Amino acid sequence: IRNEVMELYREDVVKSIGAVCRFTSTYRSIEEQNEIYARGRTKLFDSNGKRLGIVTKAKGGQSYHQYGLAFDFCLISKGAASWDTMVDYDKDGKSDWREVASIFKAKGYEWGGEWKFRDFPHIQKTFGYTTKQLLEKYKSRDTFVENGITYVNL
């Protein structure tokens, strides 16, 4: 979906909201996902002693990130990341985050901001597959390698 996401970003997002997005997380390995899942559970503190909170409900293999079908984003304002989901940089009366989500939803993507466990930065395209089905494809080696990353065949 990389090319589709970039085309939507360049052609629709930038022109619609007049702001810049940063993709903060795209593909994640199962190991990376397990590390994120551990935060706030078995890994309680960062290297500076700061208490960590739970970041995700998905273990490795249970996120569309592991299959290259999800990305997280934020908006950029004055060169810095903005996680303010209500911001309206283009002053059109609509949250820019919701505008970005609407653009992708119109093309068959799902937005985590509409889930019970809200994940505002998250957008994914499932192609009708559950993560359980994708993990089975991965385990059965129904895969291909591109740029050193193993993806499942859809």
Protein backbone atom coordinates (compact mmCIF):
# COMPACT_ATOMS: atom_id res chain seq x y z
CA ILE A 1 0.00 0.00 0.00
CA ARG A 2 3.07 2.24 0.19
CA ASN A 3 2.56 3.80 -3.25
CA GLU A 4 -1.18 4.28 -2.71
CA VAL A 5 -0.62 5.94 0.67
CA MET A 6 2.00 8.31 -0.74
CA GLU A 7 -0.20 9.22 -3.71
CA LEU A 8 -3.18 9.95 -1.44
CA TYR A 9 -0.92 11.96 0.82
CA ARG A 10 0.57 14.07 -1.98
CA GLU A 11 -2.59 14.48 -4.04
CA ASP A 12 -5.32 14.72 -1.40
CA VAL A 13 -4.03 15.28 2.13
CA VAL A 14 -1.61 18.13 1.43
CA LYS A 15 -4.07 19.89 -0.88
CA SER A 16 -7.00 19.37 1.52
CA ILE A 17 -5.58 20.50 4.84
CA GLY A 18 -2.59 22.51 3.74
CA ALA A 19 -0.53 20.90 6.48
CA VAL A 20 2.23 18.37 6.54
CA CYS A 21 1.95 14.91 8.06
CA ARG A 22 4.75 12.75 9.31
CA PHE A 23 4.46 9.00 9.14
CA THR A 24 5.64 8.01 12.61
CA SER A 25 5.34 4.25 12.27
CA THR A 26 4.78 2.06 9.23
CA TYR A 27 6.02 -1.53 9.03
CA ARG A 28 6.94 -3.09 12.38
CA SER A 29 8.42 -6.53 12.87
CA ILE A 30 6.74 -8.97 15.25
CA GLU A 31 9.65 -8.40 17.65
CA GLU A 32 9.18 -4.61 17.53
CA GLN A 33 5.46 -5.02 18.18
CA ASN A 34 6.16 -7.26 21.17
CA GLU A 35 8.51 -4.59 22.55
CA ILE A 36 5.76 -1.96 22.23
CA TYR A 37 3.22 -4.35 23.78
CA ALA A 38 5.53 -4.87 26.79
CA ARG A 39 5.54 -1.15 27.61
CA GLY A 40 3.48 -0.57 30.71
CA ARG A 41 3.08 -4.32 31.25
CA THR A 42 6.37 -6.16 31.76
CA LYS A 43 8.58 -3.19 30.88
CA LEU A 44 7.42 -0.66 33.46
CA PHE A 45 10.12 2.04 33.21
CA ASP A 46 12.19 3.63 30.46
CA SER A 47 15.98 4.06 30.65
CA ASN A 48 15.51 7.32 32.60
CA GLY A 49 13.28 5.72 35.23
CA LYS A 50 10.09 7.25 33.84
CA ARG A 51 6.99 5.10 34.33
CA LEU A 52 5.67 3.72 31.02
CA GLY A 53 2.01 3.44 30.15
CA ILE A 54 0.31 0.86 27.96
CA VAL A 55 0.66 1.81 24.31
CA THR A 56 -1.09 -0.97 22.40
CA LYS A 57 -3.43 -3.90 22.89
CA ALA A 58 -1.83 -5.83 20.02
CA LYS A 59 0.91 -8.40 20.55
CA GLY A 60 3.33 -9.26 17.77
CA GLY A 61 1.40 -10.66 14.81
CA GLN A 62 -1.87 -9.04 15.96
CA SER A 63 -1.28 -5.66 14.33
CA TYR A 64 -1.62 -4.76 10.68
CA HIS A 65 1.74 -3.00 11.03
CA GLN A 66 3.43 -6.43 10.88
CA TYR A 67 2.00 -6.96 7.41
CA GLY A 68 2.81 -3.54 5.96
CA LEU A 69 -0.89 -2.63 5.95
CA ALA A 70 -0.94 0.10 8.61
CA PHE A 71 0.70 3.37 9.45
CA ASP A 72 0.64 5.93 12.23
CA PHE A 73 0.91 9.63 11.56
CA CYS A 74 1.01 13.02 13.21
CA LEU A 75 0.69 16.56 11.90
CA ILE A 76 3.67 18.89 11.71
CA SER A 77 3.41 22.47 12.87
CA LYS A 78 6.33 24.89 12.89
CA GLY A 79 8.71 21.97 12.42
CA ALA A 80 7.42 20.01 15.42
CA ALA A 81 5.11 17.02 15.73
CA SER A 82 1.56 17.89 16.82
CA TRP A 83 -0.55 15.23 18.52
CA ASP A 84 -3.46 17.65 19.02
CA THR A 85 -6.33 15.78 17.35
CA MET A 86 -8.59 18.84 17.43
CA VAL A 87 -6.23 21.25 15.66
CA ASP A 88 -7.55 23.03 12.56
CA TYR A 89 -4.54 24.57 10.81
CA ASP A 90 -6.48 25.33 7.63
CA LYS A 91 -9.27 27.09 9.60
CA ASP A 92 -12.12 25.32 7.79
CA GLY A 93 -13.97 24.35 10.97
CA LYS A 94 -12.90 20.67 10.79
CA SER A 95 -10.23 18.84 12.75
CA ASP A 96 -7.28 18.24 10.41
CA TRP A 97 -6.81 14.78 11.93
CA ARG A 98 -10.39 13.90 10.98
CA GLU A 99 -9.85 15.32 7.51
CA VAL A 100 -6.80 13.09 7.01
CA ALA A 101 -8.75 10.08 8.28
CA SER A 102 -11.70 10.88 5.98
CA ILE A 103 -9.45 10.98 2.92
CA PHE A 104 -8.10 7.52 3.67
CA LYS A 105 -11.48 6.12 4.73
CA ALA A 106 -12.90 7.14 1.34
CA LYS A 107 -10.32 4.79 -0.23
CA GLY A 108 -11.16 1.76 1.95
CA TYR A 109 -8.94 2.37 4.97
CA GLU A 110 -9.98 2.11 8.63
CA TRP A 111 -9.16 4.76 11.21
CA GLY A 112 -8.27 3.88 14.80
CA GLY A 113 -9.89 7.10 16.02
CA GLU A 114 -13.27 5.39 15.59
CA TRP A 115 -12.46 2.29 17.63
CA LYS A 116 -13.54 1.60 21.21
CA PHE A 117 -9.84 1.70 22.17
CA ARG A 118 -9.12 4.94 20.33
CA ASP A 119 -5.88 5.02 18.36
CA PHE A 120 -6.05 8.40 16.63
CA PRO A 121 -2.71 8.20 14.78
CA HIS A 122 -3.49 4.74 13.30
CA ILE A 123 -4.80 4.03 9.79
CA GLN A 124 -4.94 0.57 8.19
CA LYS A 125 -6.19 -1.26 5.12
CA THR A 126 -7.13 -4.88 5.81
CA PHE A 127 -8.20 -6.12 2.36
CA GLY A 128 -10.77 -8.22 4.25
CA TYR A 129 -8.14 -10.17 6.21
CA THR A 130 -8.02 -10.50 9.98
CA THR A 131 -4.63 -10.38 11.67
CA LYS A 132 -5.18 -14.02 12.63
CA GLN A 133 -5.48 -14.95 8.94
CA LEU A 134 -2.42 -12.87 8.06
CA LEU A 135 -0.40 -14.49 10.84
CA GLU A 136 -1.34 -17.94 9.50
CA LYS A 137 -0.14 -16.88 6.04
CA TYR A 138 3.10 -15.67 7.63
CA LYS A 139 3.61 -18.90 9.59
CA SER A 140 2.89 -21.04 6.51
CA ARG A 141 5.43 -18.94 4.55
CA ASP A 142 2.83 -17.63 2.09
CA THR A 143 5.15 -14.64 1.79
CA PHE A 144 7.53 -12.64 -0.36
CA VAL A 145 10.54 -10.50 0.50
CA GLU A 146 10.92 -6.89 -0.62
CA ASN A 147 13.75 -4.63 0.53
CA GLY A 148 14.68 -7.19 3.17
CA ILE A 149 11.20 -7.25 4.72
CA THR A 150 8.98 -10.33 4.62
CA TYR A 151 5.37 -9.60 3.62
CA VAL A 152 2.43 -11.99 3.27
CA ASN A 153 0.78 -12.56 -0.08
CA LEU A 154 -2.69 -11.07 -0.25
